[in-house]
């Protein structure tokens, strides 16, 4: 049994080599993170297990990867990079890693919410350009945050927001309960929330979930935070709402196309704070991630 980490950045590559035990199956680490899909058959070179962080794996390419039986996707958003059911039809099982970065992602969402409320990003840009721009911020204490999706990240976001004196509403696809959190319908959440934070996995049911119609239900001037997946939100509708003032600000870590193209419309809006899909990137989360990938590989080999 042999695994290949096909697209390791320096941090994750170093961790994979450092955390792997002598008794573990061998894990080859490819340190060229910008792997093209057509390169995967050669990079894997017959390995039955592929660790994938951010490389697209089209089904037609997977069929060319002789011996491939398992994909360990480093996160939960595999559907953004591959068609899980089509891979299953080829006898390739996709393994996800949940929970490794719940706190890291929630802290990023929390930080984006505050940056949006205070206008820090715009003031920073203007001051670097020599302009003394002073903006009125929003006081979040006492405001209502609505969490769309209440898994591990949503629960961590709720903890942080409650600690900041915010009221917390949540909507989840399955019934849940939590101290200090009021679970409501999606319509009520959108209508009552001063901040809406998205924490849904991307699948066929959630793609485009925050549609133009749902954005129109939000409080005018509300803040939108997305650290889940770009495709959960209708990007064109969000941009239109930001331009019209229906949305007061958006704090975004994820996008329909990544990396975000130069001169993308979002880069031209003052009421947007952007981060480069980095919510999960902390030393603690990275260690959790690689240890979980090794555990998957140990289980597969066993």
Protein backbone atom coordinates (compact mmCIF):
# COMPACT_ATOMS: atom_id res chain seq x y z
CA UNK A 1 0.00 0.00 0.00
CA UNK A 2 1.42 3.34 -1.04
CA UNK A 3 0.00 6.87 -0.94
CA UNK A 4 1.02 10.01 -2.80
CA UNK A 5 0.34 13.54 -1.58
CA UNK A 6 -0.10 15.00 -5.04
CA UNK A 7 -0.13 18.75 -4.32
CA UNK A 8 1.67 19.47 -1.06
CA UNK A 9 2.46 23.05 -0.14
CA UNK A 10 5.64 23.45 1.94
CA UNK A 11 3.83 23.49 5.30
CA UNK A 12 1.68 20.42 4.68
CA UNK A 13 4.50 18.58 2.93
CA UNK A 14 6.82 19.07 5.90
CA UNK A 15 4.11 17.92 8.31
CA UNK A 16 3.36 14.80 6.26
CA UNK A 17 7.01 13.77 6.42
CA UNK A 18 7.41 14.69 10.09
CA UNK A 19 4.21 13.09 11.43
CA UNK A 20 4.45 9.85 9.45
CA UNK A 21 5.64 6.97 11.65
CA UNK A 22 8.14 4.34 10.44
CA UNK A 23 5.39 1.74 10.72
CA UNK A 24 3.02 3.73 8.49
CA UNK A 25 2.49 3.02 4.79
CA UNK A 26 4.86 5.06 2.62
CA UNK A 27 3.58 8.47 1.56
CA UNK A 28 5.28 10.16 -1.37
CA UNK A 29 5.15 13.94 -1.15
CA UNK A 30 4.98 15.91 -4.39
CA UNK A 31 6.11 19.43 -3.55
CA UNK A 32 4.85 21.03 -6.75
CA UNK A 33 1.45 22.24 -5.60
CA UNK A 34 0.26 23.53 -9.00
CA UNK A 35 -0.43 20.11 -10.47
CA UNK A 36 -2.60 20.00 -13.58
CA UNK A 37 -5.22 17.24 -13.72
CA UNK A 38 -3.57 15.67 -16.75
CA UNK A 39 -0.38 15.27 -14.71
CA UNK A 40 -2.04 13.11 -12.05
CA UNK A 41 -1.52 9.67 -13.67
CA UNK A 42 2.22 10.31 -13.79
CA UNK A 43 2.38 11.87 -10.32
CA UNK A 44 0.53 8.93 -8.76
CA UNK A 45 2.46 6.36 -10.82
CA UNK A 46 0.19 3.49 -9.83
CA UNK A 47 -0.31 4.43 -6.18
CA UNK A 48 -3.64 3.15 -4.82
CA UNK A 49 -4.11 6.14 -2.48
CA UNK A 50 -4.06 9.81 -3.49
CA UNK A 51 -4.01 12.65 -0.99
CA UNK A 52 -5.53 15.70 -2.68
CA UNK A 53 -5.62 19.20 -1.26
CA UNK A 54 -6.77 21.46 -4.10
CA UNK A 55 -6.20 19.70 -7.44
CA UNK A 56 -9.14 18.93 -9.73
CA UNK A 57 -9.69 15.23 -10.41
CA UNK A 58 -12.00 14.86 -13.42
CA UNK A 59 -13.53 11.41 -13.72
CA UNK A 60 -11.88 10.84 -17.11
CA UNK A 61 -8.46 11.53 -15.57
CA UNK A 62 -9.19 9.29 -12.59
CA UNK A 63 -9.92 6.47 -15.03
CA UNK A 64 -6.37 6.87 -16.37
CA UNK A 65 -4.82 6.56 -12.88
CA UNK A 66 -4.09 2.85 -12.88
CA UNK A 67 -4.39 1.27 -9.47
CA UNK A 68 -6.14 4.24 -7.83
CA UNK A 69 -8.69 3.00 -5.30
CA UNK A 70 -8.84 5.71 -2.63
CA UNK A 71 -8.78 9.52 -2.58
CA UNK A 72 -8.14 11.16 0.78
CA UNK A 73 -9.43 14.68 0.27
CA UNK A 74 -7.89 17.13 2.71
CA UNK A 75 -11.11 18.72 3.89
CA UNK A 76 -14.85 18.40 3.39
CA UNK A 77 -15.34 20.15 0.04
CA UNK A 78 -14.37 17.32 -2.30
CA UNK A 79 -17.34 18.01 -4.58
CA UNK A 80 -15.73 21.29 -5.59
CA UNK A 81 -12.88 19.28 -7.12
CA UNK A 82 -14.29 15.91 -8.19
CA UNK A 83 -17.51 14.01 -8.88
CA UNK A 84 -17.74 11.64 -5.93
CA UNK A 85 -20.44 9.37 -7.34
CA UNK A 86 -18.71 8.98 -10.71
CA UNK A 87 -15.49 8.08 -8.94
CA UNK A 88 -17.39 5.49 -6.91
CA UNK A 89 -18.60 3.93 -10.16
CA UNK A 90 -14.92 3.46 -11.06
CA UNK A 91 -14.29 1.73 -7.73
CA UNK A 92 -12.58 4.79 -6.22
CA UNK A 93 -13.68 5.75 -2.71
CA UNK A 94 -13.39 9.36 -1.54
CA UNK A 95 -12.57 9.96 2.13
CA UNK A 96 -13.25 13.34 3.73
CA UNK A 97 -11.67 14.97 6.77
CA UNK A 98 -14.10 16.72 9.06
CA UNK A 99 -13.58 18.84 12.12
CA UNK A 100 -9.86 19.44 11.71
CA UNK A 101 -10.24 23.19 11.31
CA UNK A 102 -13.55 24.01 12.98
CA UNK A 103 -12.03 26.55 15.36
CA UNK A 104 -9.72 28.03 12.73
CA UNK A 105 -12.54 28.57 10.22
CA UNK A 106 -14.92 29.95 12.84
CA UNK A 107 -12.27 32.41 13.99
CA UNK A 108 -11.82 33.56 10.38
CA UNK A 109 -15.58 34.03 9.97
CA UNK A 110 -15.65 35.95 13.24
CA UNK A 111 -12.74 38.15 12.12
CA UNK A 112 -14.32 38.82 8.72
CA UNK A 113 -17.55 39.81 10.47
CA UNK A 114 -15.73 42.36 12.63
CA UNK A 115 -13.63 43.66 9.74
CA UNK A 116 -16.80 44.13 7.70
CA UNK A 117 -18.59 45.87 10.56
CA UNK A 118 -15.73 48.32 11.14
CA UNK A 119 -14.59 48.91 7.55
CA UNK A 120 -10.97 48.09 8.37
CA UNK A 121 -10.01 46.83 4.92
CA UNK A 122 -11.20 49.95 3.11
CA UNK A 123 -9.62 52.32 5.62
CA UNK A 124 -6.35 50.40 5.35
CA UNK A 125 -6.38 50.65 1.55
CA UNK A 126 -7.15 54.36 1.61
CA UNK A 127 -4.51 55.19 4.21
CA UNK A 128 -1.86 53.33 2.19
CA UNK A 129 -2.88 55.52 -0.74
CA UNK A 130 -2.45 58.65 1.35
CA UNK A 131 -6.13 59.27 2.09
CA UNK A 132 -7.36 59.85 5.66
CA UNK A 133 -10.71 58.07 5.34
CA UNK A 134 -12.75 57.70 8.54
CA UNK A 135 -15.77 55.41 8.36
CA UNK A 136 -18.62 54.89 10.79
CA UNK A 137 -18.60 51.30 12.02
CA UNK A 138 -21.35 49.00 13.24
CA UNK A 139 -21.54 47.97 16.89
CA UNK A 140 -22.06 44.23 16.93
CA UNK A 141 -22.76 43.85 20.63
CA UNK A 142 -26.48 43.17 20.94
CA UNK A 143 -26.89 42.51 17.23
CA UNK A 144 -28.25 39.26 15.78
CA UNK A 145 -26.11 36.82 13.83
CA UNK A 146 -27.77 34.11 11.76
CA UNK A 147 -25.85 30.92 11.08
CA UNK A 148 -26.82 28.97 7.95
CA UNK A 149 -25.67 25.47 8.83
CA UNK A 150 -24.83 24.29 12.31
CA UNK A 151 -22.07 21.72 12.20
CA UNK A 152 -18.78 21.96 14.04
CA UNK A 153 -17.82 25.31 12.49
CA UNK A 154 -21.25 26.81 13.07
CA UNK A 155 -21.14 25.71 16.71
CA UNK A 156 -17.74 27.36 17.17
CA UNK A 157 -19.01 30.53 15.50
CA UNK A 158 -21.98 30.54 17.86
CA UNK A 159 -19.66 30.25 20.86
CA UNK A 160 -17.57 33.20 19.70
CA UNK A 161 -20.59 35.37 18.88
CA UNK A 162 -22.31 34.64 22.18
CA UNK A 163 -19.10 35.62 23.95
CA UNK A 164 -19.21 38.94 22.10
CA UNK A 165 -22.72 39.64 23.36
CA UNK A 166 -24.57 38.80 20.15
CA UNK A 167 -27.90 37.04 19.78
CA UNK A 168 -27.53 33.82 17.78
CA UNK A 169 -30.06 32.34 15.38
CA UNK A 170 -29.39 29.20 13.37
CA UNK A 171 -30.93 27.14 10.60
CA UNK A 172 -29.82 23.60 9.87
CA UNK A 173 -31.03 21.03 7.37
CA UNK A 174 -31.58 18.52 10.18
CA UNK A 175 -33.07 19.30 13.59
CA UNK A 176 -30.58 20.43 16.24
CA UNK A 177 -30.56 22.24 19.55
CA UNK A 178 -27.87 24.12 21.46
CA UNK A 179 -27.72 26.28 24.55
CA UNK A 180 -28.03 29.96 23.78
CA UNK A 181 -28.95 29.37 20.12
CA UNK A 182 -32.46 29.74 18.74
CA UNK A 183 -33.15 27.50 15.74
CA UNK A 184 -35.57 29.08 13.28
CA UNK A 185 -36.76 28.76 9.70
CA UNK A 186 -34.48 30.07 6.99
CA UNK A 187 -37.00 32.81 6.22
CA UNK A 188 -37.01 34.05 9.83
CA UNK A 189 -33.22 33.88 10.04
CA UNK A 190 -32.76 36.00 6.92
CA UNK A 191 -35.35 38.56 7.97
CA UNK A 192 -34.03 39.04 11.52
CA UNK A 193 -30.24 38.77 11.21
CA UNK A 194 -27.90 41.75 11.10
CA UNK A 195 -25.12 39.34 10.08
CA UNK A 196 -25.60 36.14 8.07
CA UNK A 197 -22.72 33.65 8.19
CA UNK A 198 -22.71 30.66 5.84
CA UNK A 199 -21.53 27.26 7.12
CA UNK A 200 -22.98 24.74 4.66
CA UNK A 201 -21.23 21.91 2.87
CA UNK A 202 -21.45 22.17 -0.89
CA UNK A 203 -23.54 19.53 -2.61
CA UNK A 204 -26.33 19.40 -5.18
CA UNK A 205 -28.87 20.53 -2.57
CA UNK A 206 -26.88 23.50 -1.28
CA UNK A 207 -25.42 24.84 -4.54
CA UNK A 208 -26.83 28.34 -4.98
CA UNK A 209 -28.67 28.03 -1.67
CA UNK A 210 -28.33 31.74 -0.88
CA UNK A 211 -30.12 32.80 -4.06
CA UNK A 212 -31.18 36.21 -5.28
CA UNK A 213 -34.60 35.65 -3.73
CA UNK A 214 -33.11 34.77 -0.35
CA UNK A 215 -30.66 37.67 -0.42
CA UNK A 216 -33.67 39.93 -1.04
CA UNK A 217 -35.20 38.57 2.19
CA UNK A 218 -32.26 39.78 4.27
CA UNK A 219 -32.31 43.00 6.25
CA UNK A 220 -31.21 45.88 4.04
CA UNK A 221 -27.59 46.69 4.84
CA UNK A 222 -26.89 43.34 6.53
CA UNK A 223 -23.42 41.81 6.54
CA UNK A 224 -22.82 38.51 4.72
CA UNK A 225 -19.91 36.25 5.70
CA UNK A 226 -18.98 33.16 3.69
CA UNK A 227 -16.21 30.79 4.77
CA UNK A 228 -17.96 27.68 3.42
CA UNK A 229 -17.86 27.39 -0.39
CA UNK A 230 -18.34 30.10 -2.97
CA UNK A 231 -20.96 28.17 -4.92
CA UNK A 232 -23.32 28.04 -1.92
CA UNK A 233 -24.06 31.71 -2.66
CA UNK A 234 -25.31 33.04 -6.00
CA UNK A 235 -22.28 35.20 -6.73
CA UNK A 236 -23.92 37.41 -9.35
CA UNK A 237 -26.88 38.08 -7.06
CA UNK A 238 -24.52 38.86 -4.17
CA UNK A 239 -22.57 41.36 -6.29
CA UNK A 240 -25.79 43.05 -7.40
CA UNK A 241 -26.95 43.28 -3.78
CA UNK A 242 -23.62 44.78 -2.71
CA UNK A 243 -23.91 47.40 -5.44
CA UNK A 244 -27.51 48.27 -4.55
CA UNK A 245 -26.93 48.46 -0.81
CA UNK A 246 -29.20 45.51 -0.05
CA UNK A 247 -26.04 43.99 1.40
CA UNK A 248 -24.00 46.42 3.46
CA UNK A 249 -20.79 44.41 3.30
CA UNK A 250 -19.52 40.93 2.50
CA UNK A 251 -16.59 39.18 4.17
CA UNK A 252 -15.53 36.39 1.83
CA UNK A 253 -12.94 33.65 2.09
CA UNK A 254 -14.33 31.51 -0.75
CA UNK A 255 -15.29 32.17 -4.36
CA UNK A 256 -16.83 30.52 -7.42
CA UNK A 257 -13.44 30.52 -9.17
CA UNK A 258 -10.22 30.20 -7.19
CA UNK A 259 -7.75 31.80 -7.28
CA UNK A 260 -9.94 34.87 -7.68
CA UNK A 261 -9.19 36.25 -11.18
CA UNK A 262 -7.50 39.62 -11.52
CA UNK A 263 -10.05 42.42 -12.02
CA UNK A 264 -12.91 40.24 -10.79
CA UNK A 265 -15.96 42.42 -9.96
CA UNK A 266 -15.56 41.67 -6.25
CA UNK A 267 -12.13 43.31 -6.26
CA UNK A 268 -13.67 46.57 -7.42
CA UNK A 269 -16.23 46.93 -4.61
CA UNK A 270 -15.39 48.97 -1.52
CA UNK A 271 -17.89 47.08 0.66
CA UNK A 272 -16.16 43.71 0.36
CA UNK A 273 -13.39 42.24 2.51
CA UNK A 274 -11.52 39.39 0.81
CA UNK A 275 -9.29 36.60 2.06
CA UNK A 276 -7.70 33.90 -0.09
CA UNK A 277 -9.49 30.71 1.04
CA UNK A 278 -7.21 30.70 4.06
CA UNK A 279 -9.67 30.26 6.93
CA UNK A 280 -8.34 26.81 7.79
CA UNK A 281 -4.66 27.75 7.55
CA UNK A 282 -3.33 27.66 11.10
CA UNK A 283 -0.54 25.43 12.46
CA UNK A 284 -3.03 23.69 14.74
CA UNK A 285 -5.49 22.93 11.96
CA UNK A 286 -2.72 21.80 9.61
CA UNK A 287 -1.46 19.28 12.16
CA UNK A 288 -5.00 17.98 12.71
CA UNK A 289 -5.46 17.68 8.94
CA UNK A 290 -2.31 15.69 8.22
CA UNK A 291 -2.77 13.40 11.22
CA UNK A 292 -6.30 12.66 10.00
CA UNK A 293 -4.98 11.91 6.48
CA UNK A 294 -2.45 9.53 7.97
CA UNK A 295 -5.19 7.86 10.02
CA UNK A 296 -7.26 7.34 6.86
CA UNK A 297 -4.24 5.82 5.13
CA UNK A 298 -3.48 3.54 8.10
CA UNK A 299 -7.08 2.35 8.14
CA UNK A 300 -7.10 1.72 4.38
CA UNK A 301 -3.83 -0.22 4.60
CA UNK A 302 -5.06 -2.23 7.55
